Amino acid sequence: MSAREAILGKVRKALDASGNAGRLDNVWDRLMEAPAGIIPTRAQLDPEARVELFCRMATQAAATVARVAGEEVVPAAVTAYLRARNLPAKVRMGGDRRLKAMPWVNERTLQVRHGPSDGDDEASVSHAAAAIAETGTLALFSGKDNPTTLNFLPDHHIVVVDAADIGGDLESVMRLARARYGKGEMPRTLNFITGPSRSGDIEQKLLLGAHGPRALHIIVVDG
């Protein structure tokens, strides 16, 4: 027996993993029943308090937040945001079925274009799969429904999130994602976004829009 085999044999004995079948079972059980880590109590709140914490933390991160009573008023809220900032009445969005179901046709002056951004769009609209209350963070999954280019190329990123999808902590949001998509079906990219893009690398001065949108506007849909 070589020194290598002797060492590995001692490791297997210490781990009680003498057979490959047993080790594979252990790995599979671990993947299927991942143990929960320690979760801070900061965001373990009732649903309304959780939404309020999310809005407060998002505002502290330099995002703007609006709460609306239902999906039917989201287009009007988008139009109001653009008008208040003297922006063109044009937005780009993907094929998200929840956004498509909203009454955009009622906003007759608002032009809605679909598909990924080519970099020439001033404003985009995305639907967040979930959000994290303790940090005011949005979770956006990549795909044709909500192309990743919408998150980074336009100067103004408008994100719609359902109040029911605001979890207290990162762990809650990851559990929601696994439950929604299932193991092995997760999107290729998950973007966590907290506030607009910014950098302090140049002379220690805060610069908005350094690597993405200069403004992040969040529309929280109650109900």
C-alpha atoms as a PDB file:
ATOM      1  CA  MET A   1       0.000   0.000   0.000  1.00  0.00           C
ATOM      2  CA  SER A   2       1.330   3.409  -0.986  1.00  0.00           C
ATOM      3  CA  ALA A   3       1.540   6.350   1.396  1.00  0.00           C
ATOM      4  CA  ARG A   4      -1.275   8.056  -0.548  1.00  0.00           C
ATOM      5  CA  GLU A   5      -3.588   5.085  -0.205  1.00  0.00           C
ATOM      6  CA  ALA A   6      -2.776   4.810   3.476  1.00  0.00           C
ATOM      7  CA  ILE A   7      -3.622   8.463   4.089  1.00  0.00           C
ATOM      8  CA  LEU A   8      -6.859   8.319   2.099  1.00  0.00           C
ATOM      9  CA  GLY A   9      -7.811   5.117   3.896  1.00  0.00           C
ATOM     10  CA  LYS A  10      -7.452   6.841   7.250  1.00  0.00           C
ATOM     11  CA  VAL A  11      -9.576   9.764   6.004  1.00  0.00           C
ATOM     12  CA  ARG A  12     -12.320   7.397   4.805  1.00  0.00           C
ATOM     13  CA  LYS A  13     -12.267   5.568   8.113  1.00  0.00           C
ATOM     14  CA  ALA A  14     -12.495   8.821  10.075  1.00  0.00           C
ATOM     15  CA  LEU A  15     -15.423   9.964   7.939  1.00  0.00           C
ATOM     16  CA  ASP A  16     -17.059   6.551   8.089  1.00  0.00           C
ATOM     17  CA  ALA A  17     -17.286   6.617   4.289  1.00  0.00           C
ATOM     18  CA  SER A  18     -15.984   3.214   3.300  1.00  0.00           C
ATOM     19  CA  GLY A  19     -18.395   2.746   0.397  1.00  0.00           C
ATOM     20  CA  ASN A  20     -19.184   4.996  -2.551  1.00  0.00           C
ATOM     21  CA  ALA A  21     -22.888   4.219  -2.350  1.00  0.00           C
ATOM     22  CA  GLY A  22     -23.103   5.496   1.199  1.00  0.00           C
ATOM     23  CA  ARG A  23     -21.222   8.650   0.373  1.00  0.00           C
ATOM     24  CA  LEU A  24     -23.445   9.398  -2.611  1.00  0.00           C
ATOM     25  CA  ASP A  25     -26.530   8.925  -0.453  1.00  0.00           C
ATOM     26  CA  ASN A  26     -25.127  11.329   2.123  1.00  0.00           C
ATOM     27  CA  VAL A  27     -24.405  13.953  -0.525  1.00  0.00           C
ATOM     28  CA  TRP A  28     -27.875  13.585  -2.053  1.00  0.00           C
ATOM     29  CA  ASP A  29     -29.571  13.859   1.340  1.00  0.00           C
ATOM     30  CA  ARG A  30     -27.541  16.992   2.053  1.00  0.00           C
ATOM     31  CA  LEU A  31     -28.581  18.583  -1.250  1.00  0.00           C
ATOM     32  CA  MET A  32     -32.242  17.720  -0.837  1.00  0.00           C
ATOM     33  CA  GLU A  33     -32.463  18.715   2.818  1.00  0.00           C
ATOM     34  CA  ALA A  34     -30.000  21.591   3.114  1.00  0.00           C
ATOM     35  CA  PRO A  35     -29.690  22.590   6.782  1.00  0.00           C
ATOM     36  CA  ALA A  36     -30.820  26.089   7.673  1.00  0.00           C
ATOM     37  CA  GLY A  37     -28.204  28.552   8.812  1.00  0.00           C
ATOM     38  CA  ILE A  38     -28.498  31.150  11.544  1.00  0.00           C
ATOM     39  CA  ILE A  39     -30.975  33.861  10.493  1.00  0.00           C
ATOM     40  CA  PRO A  40     -31.011  37.279  12.223  1.00  0.00           C
ATOM     41  CA  THR A  41     -34.249  38.246  13.936  1.00  0.00           C
ATOM     42  CA  ARG A  42     -34.131  41.754  12.428  1.00  0.00           C
ATOM     43  CA  ALA A  43     -36.614  40.986   9.644  1.00  0.00           C
ATOM     44  CA  GLN A  44     -38.675  38.242  11.278  1.00  0.00           C
ATOM     45  CA  LEU A  45     -41.749  40.434  11.257  1.00  0.00           C
ATOM     46  CA  ASP A  46     -45.402  40.269  10.319  1.00  0.00           C
ATOM     47  CA  PRO A  47     -46.072  40.884   6.586  1.00  0.00           C
ATOM     48  CA  GLU A  48     -46.957  44.586   6.835  1.00  0.00           C
ATOM     49  CA  ALA A  49     -43.982  45.417   9.056  1.00  0.00           C
ATOM     50  CA  ARG A  50     -41.759  43.456   6.662  1.00  0.00           C
ATOM     51  CA  VAL A  51     -42.935  45.537   3.690  1.00  0.00           C
ATOM     52  CA  GLU A  52     -42.411  48.754   5.658  1.00  0.00           C
ATOM     53  CA  LEU A  53     -38.868  47.671   6.556  1.00  0.00           C
ATOM     54  CA  PHE A  54     -38.131  46.891   2.908  1.00  0.00           C
ATOM     55  CA  CYS A  55     -39.374  50.309   1.785  1.00  0.00           C
ATOM     56  CA  ARG A  56     -37.347  52.062   4.468  1.00  0.00           C
ATOM     57  CA  MET A  57     -34.137  50.187   3.666  1.00  0.00           C
ATOM     58  CA  ALA A  58     -34.573  50.654  -0.097  1.00  0.00           C
ATOM     59  CA  THR A  59     -35.024  54.398   0.435  1.00  0.00           C
ATOM     60  CA  GLN A  60     -31.875  54.527   2.570  1.00  0.00           C
ATOM     61  CA  ALA A  61     -30.042  52.885  -0.356  1.00  0.00           C
ATOM     62  CA  ALA A  62     -31.049  55.851  -2.588  1.00  0.00           C
ATOM     63  CA  ALA A  63     -33.947  54.131  -4.349  1.00  0.00           C
ATOM     64  CA  THR A  64     -37.378  55.726  -4.587  1.00  0.00           C
ATOM     65  CA  VAL A  65     -40.415  53.698  -3.570  1.00  0.00           C
ATOM     66  CA  ALA A  66     -44.132  53.906  -4.324  1.00  0.00           C
ATOM     67  CA  ARG A  67     -46.833  51.616  -2.958  1.00  0.00           C
ATOM     68  CA  VAL A  68     -49.942  50.968  -5.032  1.00  0.00           C
ATOM     69  CA  ALA A  69     -53.155  49.175  -4.168  1.00  0.00           C
ATOM     70  CA  GLY A  70     -53.174  46.760  -7.101  1.00  0.00           C
ATOM     71  CA  GLU A  71     -51.632  45.753 -10.414  1.00  0.00           C
ATOM     72  CA  GLU A  72     -54.198  47.761 -12.370  1.00  0.00           C
ATOM     73  CA  VAL A  73     -52.634  51.064 -11.270  1.00  0.00           C
ATOM     74  CA  VAL A  74     -49.011  50.128 -11.995  1.00  0.00           C
ATOM     75  CA  PRO A  75     -49.015  51.662 -15.527  1.00  0.00           C
ATOM     76  CA  ALA A  76     -50.290  54.960 -14.114  1.00  0.00           C
ATOM     77  CA  ALA A  77     -47.561  54.863 -11.457  1.00  0.00           C
ATOM     78  CA  VAL A  78     -44.921  54.315 -14.166  1.00  0.00           C
ATOM     79  CA  THR A  79     -46.314  57.235 -16.191  1.00  0.00           C
ATOM     80  CA  ALA A  80     -46.293  59.449 -13.086  1.00  0.00           C
ATOM     81  CA  TYR A  81     -42.636  58.596 -12.417  1.00  0.00           C
ATOM     82  CA  LEU A  82     -41.593  59.475 -15.977  1.00  0.00           C
ATOM     83  CA  ARG A  83     -43.606  62.711 -15.996  1.00  0.00           C
ATOM     84  CA  ALA A  84     -42.222  63.854 -12.649  1.00  0.00           C
ATOM     85  CA  ARG A  85     -38.675  63.556 -14.025  1.00  0.00           C
ATOM     86  CA  ASN A  86     -39.475  65.047 -17.421  1.00  0.00           C
ATOM     87  CA  LEU A  87     -38.555  61.783 -19.163  1.00  0.00           C
ATOM     88  CA  PRO A  88     -39.939  60.590 -22.520  1.00  0.00           C
ATOM     89  CA  ALA A  89     -43.127  58.539 -22.169  1.00  0.00           C
ATOM     90  CA  LYS A  90     -41.358  55.381 -23.340  1.00  0.00           C
ATOM     91  CA  VAL A  91     -40.319  52.231 -21.456  1.00  0.00           C
ATOM     92  CA  ARG A  92     -38.756  48.908 -22.370  1.00  0.00           C
ATOM     93  CA  MET A  93     -39.834  45.647 -20.757  1.00  0.00           C
ATOM     94  CA  GLY A  94     -39.530  41.911 -21.358  1.00  0.00           C
ATOM     95  CA  GLY A  95     -42.245  39.316 -21.762  1.00  0.00           C
ATOM     96  CA  ASP A  96     -43.183  38.952 -18.099  1.00  0.00           C
ATOM     97  CA  ARG A  97     -46.778  37.684 -18.035  1.00  0.00           C
ATOM     98  CA  ARG A  98     -47.633  39.676 -14.893  1.00  0.00           C
ATOM     99  CA  LEU A  99     -46.508  42.916 -16.492  1.00  0.00           C
ATOM    100  CA  LYS A 100     -48.263  42.072 -19.771  1.00  0.00           C
ATOM    101  CA  ALA A 101     -51.542  41.534 -17.920  1.00  0.00           C
ATOM    102  CA  MET A 102     -51.517  45.105 -16.607  1.00  0.00           C
ATOM    103  CA  PRO A 103     -53.615  47.727 -18.470  1.00  0.00           C
ATOM    104  CA  TRP A 104     -50.839  49.560 -20.307  1.00  0.00           C
ATOM    105  CA  VAL A 105     -53.260  50.448 -23.107  1.00  0.00           C
ATOM    106  CA  ASN A 106     -55.032  52.796 -20.687  1.00  0.00           C
ATOM    107  CA  GLU A 107     -51.898  54.965 -20.649  1.00  0.00           C
ATOM    108  CA  ARG A 108     -52.360  56.155 -24.215  1.00  0.00           C
ATOM    109  CA  THR A 109     -49.390  58.500 -24.171  1.00  0.00           C
ATOM    110  CA  LEU A 110     -47.006  55.799 -22.886  1.00  0.00           C
ATOM    111  CA  GLN A 111     -45.076  53.817 -25.482  1.00  0.00           C
ATOM    112  CA  VAL A 112     -44.197  50.288 -24.340  1.00  0.00           C
ATOM    113  CA  ARG A 113     -41.509  48.382 -26.219  1.00  0.00           C
ATOM    114  CA  HIS A 114     -40.649  44.749 -25.557  1.00  0.00           C
ATOM    115  CA  GLY A 115     -37.442  42.749 -25.564  1.00  0.00           C
ATOM    116  CA  PRO A 116     -33.877  43.233 -24.308  1.00  0.00           C
ATOM    117  CA  SER A 117     -32.425  46.724 -24.151  1.00  0.00           C
ATOM    118  CA  ASP A 118     -29.906  47.789 -26.792  1.00  0.00           C
ATOM    119  CA  GLY A 119     -28.555  50.567 -24.587  1.00  0.00           C
ATOM    120  CA  ASP A 120     -30.655  53.366 -26.090  1.00  0.00           C
ATOM    121  CA  ASP A 121     -33.560  53.102 -23.632  1.00  0.00           C
ATOM    122  CA  GLU A 122     -33.857  55.750 -20.935  1.00  0.00           C
ATOM    123  CA  ALA A 123     -36.257  53.710 -18.791  1.00  0.00           C
ATOM    124  CA  SER A 124     -37.035  50.027 -18.319  1.00  0.00           C
ATOM    125  CA  VAL A 125     -39.620  48.096 -16.317  1.00  0.00           C
ATOM    126  CA  SER A 126     -38.885  44.745 -14.678  1.00  0.00           C
ATOM    127  CA  HIS A 127     -40.803  42.441 -12.355  1.00  0.00           C
ATOM    128  CA  ALA A 128     -38.793  41.241  -9.364  1.00  0.00           C
ATOM    129  CA  ALA A 129     -39.231  37.623  -8.374  1.00  0.00           C
ATOM    130  CA  ALA A 130     -38.694  38.549  -4.739  1.00  0.00           C
ATOM    131  CA  ALA A 131     -37.180  41.112  -2.385  1.00  0.00           C
ATOM    132  CA  ILE A 132     -35.255  41.140   0.895  1.00  0.00           C
ATOM    133  CA  ALA A 133     -36.646  43.348   3.644  1.00  0.00           C
ATOM    134  CA  GLU A 134     -33.586  43.546   5.904  1.00  0.00           C
ATOM    135  CA  THR A 135     -31.452  45.186   3.183  1.00  0.00           C
ATOM    136  CA  GLY A 136     -33.998  46.690   0.768  1.00  0.00           C
ATOM    137  CA  THR A 137     -32.699  44.384  -1.959  1.00  0.00           C
ATOM    138  CA  LEU A 138     -34.486  43.194  -5.104  1.00  0.00           C
ATOM    139  CA  ALA A 139     -33.989  39.710  -6.556  1.00  0.00           C
ATOM    140  CA  LEU A 140     -34.314  39.521 -10.343  1.00  0.00           C
ATOM    141  CA  PHE A 141     -33.982  36.292 -12.317  1.00  0.00           C
ATOM    142  CA  SER A 142     -32.662  36.348 -15.849  1.00  0.00           C
ATOM    143  CA  GLY A 143     -34.645  35.137 -18.852  1.00  0.00           C
ATOM    144  CA  LYS A 144     -36.777  36.395 -21.701  1.00  0.00           C
ATOM    145  CA  ASP A 145     -39.468  37.464 -19.227  1.00  0.00           C
ATOM    146  CA  ASN A 146     -37.098  39.945 -17.588  1.00  0.00           C
ATOM    147  CA  PRO A 147     -33.888  40.305 -19.645  1.00  0.00           C
ATOM    148  CA  THR A 148     -30.804  41.170 -17.618  1.00  0.00           C
ATOM    149  CA  THR A 149     -30.014  44.067 -19.976  1.00  0.00           C
ATOM    150  CA  LEU A 150     -33.041  45.890 -18.539  1.00  0.00           C
ATOM    151  CA  ASN A 151     -31.342  45.856 -15.131  1.00  0.00           C
ATOM    152  CA  PHE A 152     -28.161  47.621 -16.230  1.00  0.00           C
ATOM    153  CA  LEU A 153     -28.384  49.552 -19.515  1.00  0.00           C
ATOM    154  CA  PRO A 154     -31.208  52.133 -19.106  1.00  0.00           C
ATOM    155  CA  ASP A 155     -30.576  55.164 -16.889  1.00  0.00           C
ATOM    156  CA  HIS A 156     -33.854  54.629 -15.026  1.00  0.00           C
ATOM    157  CA  HIS A 157     -34.824  51.165 -13.809  1.00  0.00           C
ATOM    158  CA  ILE A 158     -38.405  50.759 -12.613  1.00  0.00           C
ATOM    159  CA  VAL A 159     -39.025  47.501 -10.755  1.00  0.00           C
ATOM    160  CA  VAL A 160     -42.431  46.108  -9.795  1.00  0.00           C
ATOM    161  CA  VAL A 161     -42.535  43.722  -6.837  1.00  0.00           C
ATOM    162  CA  ASP A 162     -45.510  42.110  -5.131  1.00  0.00           C
ATOM    163  CA  ALA A 163     -45.728  42.780  -1.399  1.00  0.00           C
ATOM    164  CA  ALA A 164     -46.349  39.063  -0.873  1.00  0.00           C
ATOM    165  CA  ASP A 165     -42.947  38.295  -2.436  1.00  0.00           C
ATOM    166  CA  ILE A 166     -40.983  40.397   0.049  1.00  0.00           C
ATOM    167  CA  GLY A 167     -39.152  38.030   2.362  1.00  0.00           C
ATOM    168  CA  GLY A 168     -37.494  38.989   5.582  1.00  0.00           C
ATOM    169  CA  ASP A 169     -33.999  37.778   4.740  1.00  0.00           C
ATOM    170  CA  LEU A 170     -31.826  36.315   2.000  1.00  0.00           C
ATOM    171  CA  GLU A 171     -32.495  32.765   3.167  1.00  0.00           C
ATOM    172  CA  SER A 172     -36.262  33.241   2.835  1.00  0.00           C
ATOM    173  CA  VAL A 173     -35.872  34.552  -0.709  1.00  0.00           C
ATOM    174  CA  MET A 174     -33.667  31.627  -1.721  1.00  0.00           C
ATOM    175  CA  ARG A 175     -36.231  29.188  -0.313  1.00  0.00           C
ATOM    176  CA  LEU A 176     -38.936  30.961  -2.317  1.00  0.00           C
ATOM    177  CA  ALA A 177     -36.818  30.691  -5.475  1.00  0.00           C
ATOM    178  CA  ARG A 178     -36.201  26.984  -4.985  1.00  0.00           C
ATOM    179  CA  ALA A 179     -39.882  26.366  -4.354  1.00  0.00           C
ATOM    180  CA  ARG A 180     -40.894  28.361  -7.446  1.00  0.00           C
ATOM    181  CA  TYR A 181     -38.381  26.925  -9.888  1.00  0.00           C
ATOM    182  CA  GLY A 182     -37.387  23.596  -8.361  1.00  0.00           C
ATOM    183  CA  LYS A 183     -33.914  22.087  -8.097  1.00  0.00           C
ATOM    184  CA  GLY A 184     -32.083  22.041 -11.394  1.00  0.00           C
ATOM    185  CA  GLU A 185     -34.450  24.615 -12.913  1.00  0.00           C
ATOM    186  CA  MET A 186     -32.996  27.825 -11.532  1.00  0.00           C
ATOM    187  CA  PRO A 187     -32.379  30.644 -14.048  1.00  0.00           C
ATOM    188  CA  ARG A 188     -28.844  31.137 -15.329  1.00  0.00           C
ATOM    189  CA  THR A 189     -28.390  34.451 -13.509  1.00  0.00           C
ATOM    190  CA  LEU A 190     -29.800  35.930 -10.311  1.00  0.00           C
ATOM    191  CA  ASN A 191     -29.176  39.654  -9.819  1.00  0.00           C
ATOM    192  CA  PHE A 192     -29.443  41.148  -6.341  1.00  0.00           C
ATOM    193  CA  ILE A 193     -29.976  44.911  -6.658  1.00  0.00           C
ATOM    194  CA  THR A 194     -29.807  47.358  -3.754  1.00  0.00           C
ATOM    195  CA  GLY A 195     -30.331  50.949  -4.855  1.00  0.00           C
ATOM    196  CA  PRO A 196     -29.049  52.547  -8.071  1.00  0.00           C
ATOM    197  CA  SER A 197     -25.572  51.882  -9.445  1.00  0.00           C
ATOM    198  CA  ARG A 198     -22.886  53.925  -7.703  1.00  0.00           C
ATOM    199  CA  SER A 199     -19.168  54.105  -7.111  1.00  0.00           C
ATOM    200  CA  GLY A 200     -16.832  56.056  -4.841  1.00  0.00           C
ATOM    201  CA  ASP A 201     -13.613  54.963  -6.539  1.00  0.00           C
ATOM    202  CA  ILE A 202     -12.836  58.354  -8.113  1.00  0.00           C
ATOM    203  CA  GLU A 203     -11.504  60.790  -5.484  1.00  0.00           C
ATOM    204  CA  GLN A 204     -13.805  59.137  -2.935  1.00  0.00           C
ATOM    205  CA  LYS A 205     -16.782  60.992  -4.403  1.00  0.00           C
ATOM    206  CA  LEU A 206     -20.072  59.140  -4.759  1.00  0.00           C
ATOM    207  CA  LEU A 207     -21.016  58.825  -8.421  1.00  0.00           C
ATOM    208  CA  LEU A 208     -24.437  57.476  -9.396  1.00  0.00           C
ATOM    209  CA  GLY A 209     -24.794  55.467 -12.580  1.00  0.00           C
ATOM    210  CA  ALA A 210     -21.204  54.275 -12.628  1.00  0.00           C
ATOM    211  CA  HIS A 211     -21.996  50.736 -13.755  1.00  0.00           C
ATOM    212  CA  GLY A 212     -25.726  50.798 -14.390  1.00  0.00           C
ATOM    213  CA  PRO A 213     -28.884  52.859 -13.792  1.00  0.00           C
ATOM    214  CA  ARG A 214     -28.575  56.271 -12.162  1.00  0.00           C
ATOM    215  CA  ALA A 215     -32.014  55.837 -10.616  1.00  0.00           C
ATOM    216  CA  LEU A 216     -33.931  52.874  -9.213  1.00  0.00           C
ATOM    217  CA  HIS A 217     -37.684  53.247  -8.655  1.00  0.00           C
ATOM    218  CA  ILE A 218     -39.570  50.442  -6.902  1.00  0.00           C
ATOM    219  CA  ILE A 219     -43.324  49.979  -7.166  1.00  0.00           C
ATOM    220  CA  VAL A 220     -44.643  47.731  -4.388  1.00  0.00           C
ATOM    221  CA  VAL A 221     -48.004  46.170  -5.257  1.00  0.00           C
ATOM    222  CA  ASP A 222     -50.154  45.513  -2.196  1.00  0.00           C
ATOM    223  CA  GLY A 223     -52.936  42.994  -2.038  1.00  0.00           C
END
